Amino acid sequence: MRILIDIGHPGHVHLFRPFAMEMIDRGHEILFTYRQKEVEEELLEAAGFRKKCFGRHYKTKLGKIWGLFRFNWLMLRTIQQFRPDILLSHGTLYPAQMAWLTGRTYIALEDTGNWEQVRLYLPFAKCVLTSTTFPKDYGYKQVRYSGHHELAYLHPKRFAPNGSFKPALKERSKAGYVLLRFVSWNATHDVGQKGLSAKTKNELIETLQEKYQVFISSEAALPAKYEKYRINFPVDKIHDALYYADMLISEGTTMAMEAAILGTPSAYVNSLQHANIDDMVKYGLVINRPDDRSLIEVVKNLMHTENLTADWRKKKEKMLEQNIDVTAFLVWFIESWPESFDIMKSNPAFQEKFR
């Protein structure tokens, strides 16, 4: 089987990496396509995947309109050359439209539900895979599973933390370290939303430095005064760093979810509330705040909580008991397509085989 996977964000490389590696081991051919946006290329190269770049990502409205034509054309040419049986992505337009145009199957994995994107690809998709906690209904095409995207690559069967990486991060004078994640607020779903104010960021760093070393991961350019905190290790090691962190404070949904699944104490600060985060709150794995007004108090409480990480890891085990190995499920679903679709529609409990 030939499978084309389109990448629209660095997190999508993580999402599909274990699936692609297992499918390659099973004798299937995989090709990744992507636009140059952040660190997609570095992550694909680190994994050793076959890939094709469509050029730089366009940020302006005019550029995005031009991109609709340019990237669709490049996707069409790639389909004609690679001849995939199935196309996959986290809900991107180009593989959806060109799969339909060439009579091929496109399957979307969706967990954000941004309607401005969904309405463009949904008419062309044969199936949309979502979590059982996903709040939106896409009709007959939708197949729900008990899990989250982050479980596809951070489930204990898929991820083993590299302990040798931990000492390289810590200063001897500090008890440990904390990660801060800032987003760029440039995504379409970020319009009108907010997270940490500049004042809170300053106070947060000052408070945390009393006990911890501080690292910042940021989508946007950082003010000069923050540059000394920027993470400067290989991009494919971020989950090792996150696993061993004493705490995460994040404006971004994905990293907050990753911390929860790894059992790292975390706080999510964003006016855009998310069903996946709500699910982690249910297990006590994320402290969810729509604004930063009470954040410093929350952080101080965490800093002075005994056995904090050990308690979070116990909560993580309870969460894992209620969810499946998403990669194992996806491998079966794609290899068995289209019979897998019919099975899941008639017997959703079939997925219990992948716990």
Protein backbone atom coordinates (compact mmCIF):
# COMPACT_ATOMS: atom_id res chain seq x y z
CA MET A 1 0.00 0.00 0.00
CA ARG A 2 1.18 3.53 -0.81
CA ILE A 3 0.22 6.22 1.69
CA LEU A 4 0.71 9.98 1.35
CA ILE A 5 0.67 11.95 4.63
CA ASP A 6 0.36 15.73 4.44
CA ILE A 7 1.79 17.81 7.28
CA GLY A 8 0.41 21.22 8.22
CA HIS A 9 2.05 21.70 11.63
CA PRO A 10 5.06 20.25 13.49
CA GLY A 11 2.69 18.43 15.84
CA HIS A 12 1.36 16.45 12.89
CA VAL A 13 4.81 14.92 12.37
CA HIS A 14 4.65 13.58 15.91
CA LEU A 15 1.09 12.38 15.35
CA PHE A 16 1.92 10.27 12.31
CA ARG A 17 5.52 9.25 13.11
CA PRO A 18 4.83 5.95 14.98
CA PHE A 19 2.16 5.02 12.44
CA ALA A 20 4.51 5.66 9.52
CA MET A 21 7.36 3.73 11.12
CA GLU A 22 5.17 0.69 11.77
CA MET A 23 3.63 0.80 8.31
CA ILE A 24 7.10 0.95 6.73
CA ASP A 25 8.13 -2.05 8.81
CA ARG A 26 5.07 -3.86 7.43
CA GLY A 27 6.22 -3.20 3.86
CA HIS A 28 4.10 -0.18 2.96
CA GLU A 29 5.46 2.93 1.20
CA ILE A 30 5.06 6.30 2.92
CA LEU A 31 5.60 9.81 1.53
CA PHE A 32 5.27 12.98 3.62
CA THR A 33 4.41 16.32 2.02
CA TYR A 34 4.76 19.63 3.85
CA ARG A 35 5.15 23.40 3.62
CA GLN A 36 8.07 25.19 5.30
CA LYS A 37 6.45 26.74 8.35
CA GLU A 38 8.29 25.92 11.59
CA VAL A 39 10.37 22.78 12.23
CA GLU A 40 8.50 20.24 10.11
CA GLU A 41 11.53 19.56 7.94
CA GLU A 42 13.86 19.02 10.89
CA LEU A 43 11.44 16.56 12.50
CA LEU A 44 10.95 14.59 9.28
CA GLU A 45 14.69 14.45 8.71
CA ALA A 46 15.33 13.29 12.28
CA ALA A 47 12.91 10.41 11.70
CA GLY A 48 14.47 9.58 8.32
CA PHE A 49 11.20 9.72 6.37
CA ARG A 50 10.83 10.14 2.64
CA LYS A 51 9.48 13.66 2.13
CA LYS A 52 8.62 16.36 -0.38
CA CYS A 53 8.53 20.09 0.36
CA PHE A 54 5.99 22.32 -1.41
CA GLY A 55 7.82 25.54 -0.47
CA ARG A 56 7.24 28.13 2.19
CA HIS A 57 4.01 28.60 4.09
CA TYR A 58 2.12 31.80 3.25
CA LYS A 59 0.96 33.98 6.16
CA THR A 60 -0.87 36.86 4.46
CA LYS A 61 -4.46 36.59 3.18
CA LEU A 62 -3.31 37.14 -0.41
CA GLY A 63 -0.58 34.56 0.05
CA LYS A 64 -3.05 32.02 1.43
CA ILE A 65 -5.29 32.50 -1.62
CA TRP A 66 -2.31 31.99 -3.94
CA GLY A 67 -1.34 28.97 -1.86
CA LEU A 68 -4.71 27.32 -2.55
CA PHE A 69 -3.82 27.15 -6.21
CA ARG A 70 -0.08 26.51 -5.91
CA PHE A 71 -0.22 23.80 -3.25
CA ASN A 72 -3.16 22.04 -4.89
CA TRP A 73 -1.21 21.92 -8.14
CA LEU A 74 1.88 20.56 -6.40
CA MET A 75 -0.25 18.00 -4.55
CA LEU A 76 -1.85 16.88 -7.83
CA ARG A 77 1.57 16.40 -9.46
CA THR A 78 2.81 14.48 -6.42
CA ILE A 79 -0.22 12.17 -6.46
CA GLN A 80 0.35 11.48 -10.15
CA GLN A 81 4.00 10.60 -9.47
CA PHE A 82 3.68 8.70 -6.17
CA ARG A 83 0.29 7.08 -6.94
CA PRO A 84 -0.93 6.71 -3.32
CA ASP A 85 -3.79 4.41 -2.39
CA ILE A 86 -4.75 6.52 0.63
CA LEU A 87 -4.02 10.11 1.67
CA LEU A 88 -3.98 11.16 5.33
CA SER A 89 -3.63 14.41 7.23
CA HIS A 90 -4.83 16.37 10.21
CA GLY A 91 -7.60 17.97 8.20
CA THR A 92 -5.74 19.80 5.42
CA LEU A 93 -7.38 20.96 2.22
CA TYR A 94 -4.84 20.03 -0.46
CA PRO A 95 -4.78 16.21 -0.07
CA ALA A 96 -8.56 16.17 0.43
CA GLN A 97 -9.40 18.00 -2.79
CA MET A 98 -6.78 16.32 -4.92
CA ALA A 99 -7.67 12.85 -3.61
CA TRP A 100 -11.25 13.49 -4.66
CA LEU A 101 -10.17 14.83 -8.06
CA THR A 102 -8.03 11.75 -8.74
CA GLY A 103 -10.52 9.21 -7.36
CA ARG A 104 -8.49 8.29 -4.28
CA THR A 105 -9.35 7.93 -0.61
CA TYR A 106 -8.68 10.79 1.81
CA ILE A 107 -9.03 10.24 5.58
CA ALA A 108 -8.78 13.11 8.07
CA LEU A 109 -7.74 12.95 11.71
CA GLU A 110 -9.47 15.85 13.45
CA ASP A 111 -9.25 17.20 16.99
CA THR A 112 -9.57 20.98 16.70
CA GLY A 113 -12.77 21.42 14.71
CA ASN A 114 -11.84 24.77 13.16
CA TRP A 115 -14.85 25.26 10.91
CA GLU A 116 -13.02 27.49 8.43
CA GLN A 117 -10.79 24.47 7.68
CA VAL A 118 -13.29 21.64 8.15
CA ARG A 119 -15.81 23.05 5.68
CA LEU A 120 -13.10 23.09 3.00
CA TYR A 121 -11.98 19.45 3.35
CA LEU A 122 -15.06 17.63 4.73
CA PRO A 123 -16.95 17.33 1.41
CA PHE A 124 -13.94 15.53 -0.10
CA ALA A 125 -13.13 13.19 2.82
CA LYS A 126 -14.23 9.56 2.92
CA CYS A 127 -13.82 9.43 6.70
CA VAL A 128 -13.04 11.72 9.65
CA LEU A 129 -11.49 10.09 12.73
CA THR A 130 -12.14 11.90 16.03
CA SER A 131 -11.95 11.22 19.75
CA THR A 132 -15.08 10.17 21.60
CA THR A 133 -14.71 13.43 23.55
CA PHE A 134 -14.79 15.55 20.37
CA PRO A 135 -17.90 17.76 20.68
CA LYS A 136 -18.82 18.19 17.01
CA ASP A 137 -20.88 15.90 14.79
CA TYR A 138 -19.80 15.44 11.15
CA GLY A 139 -22.40 12.86 10.27
CA TYR A 140 -21.94 9.40 8.81
CA LYS A 141 -18.33 10.00 7.76
CA GLN A 142 -17.26 10.41 11.38
CA VAL A 143 -15.70 7.50 13.30
CA ARG A 144 -14.99 8.01 17.00
CA TYR A 145 -12.32 6.26 19.07
CA SER A 146 -11.34 6.39 22.75
CA GLY A 147 -8.13 8.37 22.66
CA HIS A 148 -6.38 11.58 21.70
CA HIS A 149 -3.87 12.50 19.02
CA GLU A 150 -1.12 12.87 21.59
CA LEU A 151 -1.61 9.25 22.65
CA ALA A 152 -0.57 8.20 19.14
CA TYR A 153 3.03 9.07 19.97
CA LEU A 154 3.18 9.36 23.76
CA HIS A 155 1.37 6.19 24.80
CA PRO A 156 3.80 4.05 26.88
CA LYS A 157 3.90 1.53 24.03
CA ARG A 158 5.13 4.30 21.70
CA PHE A 159 7.33 6.50 23.87
CA ALA A 160 10.12 5.72 26.33
CA PRO A 161 11.79 8.78 27.93
CA ASN A 162 15.54 9.11 27.47
CA GLY A 163 16.92 9.50 30.98
CA SER A 164 20.36 10.54 29.78
CA PHE A 165 18.81 13.73 28.41
CA LYS A 166 17.71 15.01 31.84
CA PRO A 167 21.11 15.98 33.33
CA ALA A 168 21.92 18.10 30.29
CA LEU A 169 19.00 20.41 31.09
CA LYS A 170 19.42 20.99 34.82
CA GLU A 171 21.64 23.50 36.58
CA ARG A 172 23.27 22.10 39.71
CA SER A 173 22.04 25.07 41.72
CA LYS A 174 18.37 24.40 40.83
CA ALA A 175 16.02 21.67 42.03
CA GLY A 176 14.77 21.09 38.50
CA TYR A 177 13.35 22.96 35.53
CA VAL A 178 10.05 24.29 34.20
CA LEU A 179 8.93 24.71 30.59
CA LEU A 180 6.92 27.68 29.36
CA ARG A 181 5.10 27.42 26.03
CA PHE A 182 4.06 30.61 24.19
CA VAL A 183 1.99 30.55 20.98
CA SER A 184 2.11 33.02 18.09
CA TRP A 185 -1.65 33.81 17.97
CA ASN A 186 -1.46 33.78 14.16
CA ALA A 187 -3.68 30.73 13.57
CA THR A 188 -7.22 31.31 12.32
CA HIS A 189 -8.68 29.83 15.51
CA ASP A 190 -6.59 32.28 17.61
CA VAL A 191 -8.36 35.39 16.34
CA GLY A 192 -9.76 37.29 19.31
CA GLN A 193 -8.20 34.91 21.85
CA LYS A 194 -5.58 35.61 24.51
CA GLY A 195 -3.31 33.88 26.98
CA LEU A 196 -0.47 35.23 29.12
CA SER A 197 0.03 38.99 29.36
CA ALA A 198 3.53 40.47 29.22
CA LYS A 199 3.22 41.40 32.91
CA THR A 200 2.29 37.85 33.91
CA LYS A 201 5.12 36.38 31.84
CA ASN A 202 7.62 38.54 33.71
CA GLU A 203 6.14 37.69 37.11
CA LEU A 204 5.94 34.02 36.20
CA ILE A 205 9.62 33.81 35.27
CA GLU A 206 10.67 35.69 38.41
CA THR A 207 8.57 33.39 40.61
CA LEU A 208 9.74 30.15 39.02
CA GLN A 209 13.41 31.14 39.08
CA GLU A 210 13.33 31.11 42.89
CA LYS A 211 13.39 27.31 42.66
CA TYR A 212 13.72 26.17 39.03
CA GLN A 213 15.66 26.67 35.85
CA VAL A 214 13.30 28.13 33.23
CA PHE A 215 13.08 27.19 29.54
CA ILE A 216 10.82 28.81 26.94
CA SER A 217 9.40 27.21 23.81
CA SER A 218 7.82 29.83 21.58
CA GLU A 219 6.17 29.89 18.15
CA ALA A 220 6.70 33.65 17.87
CA ALA A 221 9.85 35.75 18.18
CA LEU A 222 10.80 36.39 21.79
CA PRO A 223 11.68 39.78 23.30
CA ALA A 224 15.44 40.14 23.72
CA LYS A 225 15.17 39.79 27.51
CA TYR A 226 13.67 36.29 27.11
CA GLU A 227 16.17 34.94 24.60
CA LYS A 228 18.42 33.48 27.30
CA TYR A 229 15.55 31.19 28.32
CA ARG A 230 14.84 29.83 24.84
CA ILE A 231 15.14 26.07 24.43
CA ASN A 232 18.18 25.30 22.27
CA PHE A 233 18.28 21.51 22.08
CA PRO A 234 17.25 19.27 19.11
CA VAL A 235 13.57 19.64 18.23
CA ASP A 236 12.99 15.89 18.31
CA LYS A 237 13.92 15.83 22.04
CA ILE A 238 11.08 18.06 23.22
CA HIS A 239 9.09 15.18 24.70
CA ASP A 240 12.04 13.94 26.72
CA ALA A 241 12.39 17.46 28.09
CA LEU A 242 8.67 17.62 28.80
CA TYR A 243 8.61 14.26 30.59
CA TYR A 244 11.37 15.26 33.01
CA ALA A 245 10.11 18.82 33.59
CA ASP A 246 8.80 19.65 37.03
CA MET A 247 6.04 21.71 35.49
CA LEU A 248 4.64 23.13 32.22
CA ILE A 249 2.80 26.44 31.81
CA SER A 250 1.33 26.58 28.31
CA GLU A 251 -0.75 28.82 26.09
CA GLY A 252 -0.81 26.01 23.54
CA THR A 253 -3.28 23.13 23.64
CA THR A 254 -1.00 20.49 22.15
CA MET A 255 1.84 20.83 24.65
CA ALA A 256 -0.61 20.95 27.56
CA MET A 257 -2.13 17.70 26.29
CA GLU A 258 1.34 16.16 25.87
CA ALA A 259 2.26 17.05 29.44
CA ALA A 260 -0.96 15.49 30.72
CA ILE A 261 -0.36 12.22 28.89
CA LEU A 262 3.23 12.12 30.15
CA GLY A 263 2.11 12.83 33.70
CA THR A 264 3.87 16.20 33.96
CA PRO A 265 2.08 18.79 36.16
CA SER A 266 0.74 21.51 33.89
CA ALA A 267 -1.43 24.60 33.61
CA TYR A 268 -3.18 25.66 30.39
CA VAL A 269 -3.90 29.39 29.99
CA ASN A 270 -5.97 30.32 26.96
CA SER A 271 -9.33 32.02 26.46
CA LEU A 272 -10.03 29.42 23.76
CA GLN A 273 -11.25 26.44 25.75
CA HIS A 274 -10.85 22.94 24.31
CA ALA A 275 -12.74 19.66 24.82
CA ASN A 276 -9.50 17.66 24.92
CA ILE A 277 -8.20 19.83 27.75
CA ASP A 278 -11.52 19.36 29.55
CA ASP A 279 -11.00 15.61 29.34
CA MET A 280 -7.57 15.91 30.97
CA VAL A 281 -9.05 18.18 33.66
CA LYS A 282 -11.45 15.34 34.46
CA TYR A 283 -8.46 13.18 35.42
CA GLY A 284 -6.81 16.03 37.32
CA LEU A 285 -3.95 16.19 34.82
CA VAL A 286 -4.32 19.83 33.69
CA ILE A 287 -5.16 23.01 35.56
CA ASN A 288 -7.30 24.95 33.08
CA ARG A 289 -7.55 28.76 33.17
CA PRO A 290 -9.32 30.99 30.57
CA ASP A 291 -7.10 33.92 31.65
CA ASP A 292 -3.98 34.54 33.71
CA ARG A 293 -5.50 36.42 36.65
CA SER A 294 -4.95 33.66 39.23
CA LEU A 295 -2.02 31.94 37.54
CA ILE A 296 0.78 33.06 39.86
CA GLU A 297 -1.13 31.76 42.86
CA VAL A 298 -1.69 28.44 41.07
CA VAL A 299 2.01 28.16 40.25
CA LYS A 300 3.08 28.96 43.79
CA ASN A 301 0.77 26.24 45.11
CA LEU A 302 2.27 23.72 42.72
CA MET A 303 5.79 24.76 43.65
CA HIS A 304 5.11 23.97 47.31
CA THR A 305 3.17 20.71 46.79
CA GLU A 306 5.02 17.64 48.03
CA ASN A 307 5.23 14.58 45.75
CA LEU A 308 3.71 16.63 42.94
CA THR A 309 5.10 14.62 40.01
CA ALA A 310 4.43 11.26 41.70
CA ASP A 311 0.77 12.22 42.22
CA TRP A 312 0.46 13.35 38.58
CA ARG A 313 1.92 10.06 37.34
CA LYS A 314 -0.73 8.13 39.31
CA LYS A 315 -3.45 10.22 37.67
CA LYS A 316 -1.88 9.49 34.28
CA GLU A 317 -2.24 5.73 34.82
CA LYS A 318 -5.97 6.13 35.44
CA MET A 319 -6.29 8.10 32.20
CA LEU A 320 -4.40 5.46 30.21
CA GLU A 321 -6.76 2.75 31.44
CA GLN A 322 -9.65 4.55 29.72
CA ASN A 323 -7.98 5.05 26.34
CA ILE A 324 -6.67 2.91 23.50
CA ASP A 325 -3.29 2.70 21.77
CA VAL A 326 -4.20 5.15 19.00
CA THR A 327 -1.36 4.13 16.67
CA ALA A 328 -2.30 0.43 16.85
CA PHE A 329 -5.88 1.38 16.03
CA LEU A 330 -4.82 3.59 13.11
CA VAL A 331 -2.57 0.90 11.62
CA TRP A 332 -5.47 -1.57 11.67
CA PHE A 333 -7.95 1.01 10.34
CA ILE A 334 -5.81 1.95 7.34
CA GLU A 335 -4.61 -1.56 6.49
CA SER A 336 -8.20 -2.87 6.69
CA TRP A 337 -9.86 0.02 4.81
CA PRO A 338 -12.70 0.14 3.75
CA GLU A 339 -13.88 -2.86 5.81
CA SER A 340 -12.58 -1.12 8.95
CA PHE A 341 -15.01 1.75 8.41
CA ASP A 342 -17.98 -0.63 8.25
CA ILE A 343 -16.76 -2.51 11.34
CA MET A 344 -16.46 0.65 13.42
CA LYS A 345 -19.85 1.95 12.30
CA SER A 346 -21.59 -1.32 13.18
CA ASN A 347 -19.50 -2.25 16.25
CA PRO A 348 -17.61 0.67 17.85
CA ALA A 349 -16.56 -1.64 20.71
CA PHE A 350 -14.18 -3.38 18.27
CA GLN A 351 -11.61 -0.76 19.23
CA GLU A 352 -11.29 -2.38 22.67
CA LYS A 353 -8.84 -4.78 20.99
CA PHE A 354 -6.31 -1.94 20.97
CA ARG A 355 -6.14 -1.16 24.70
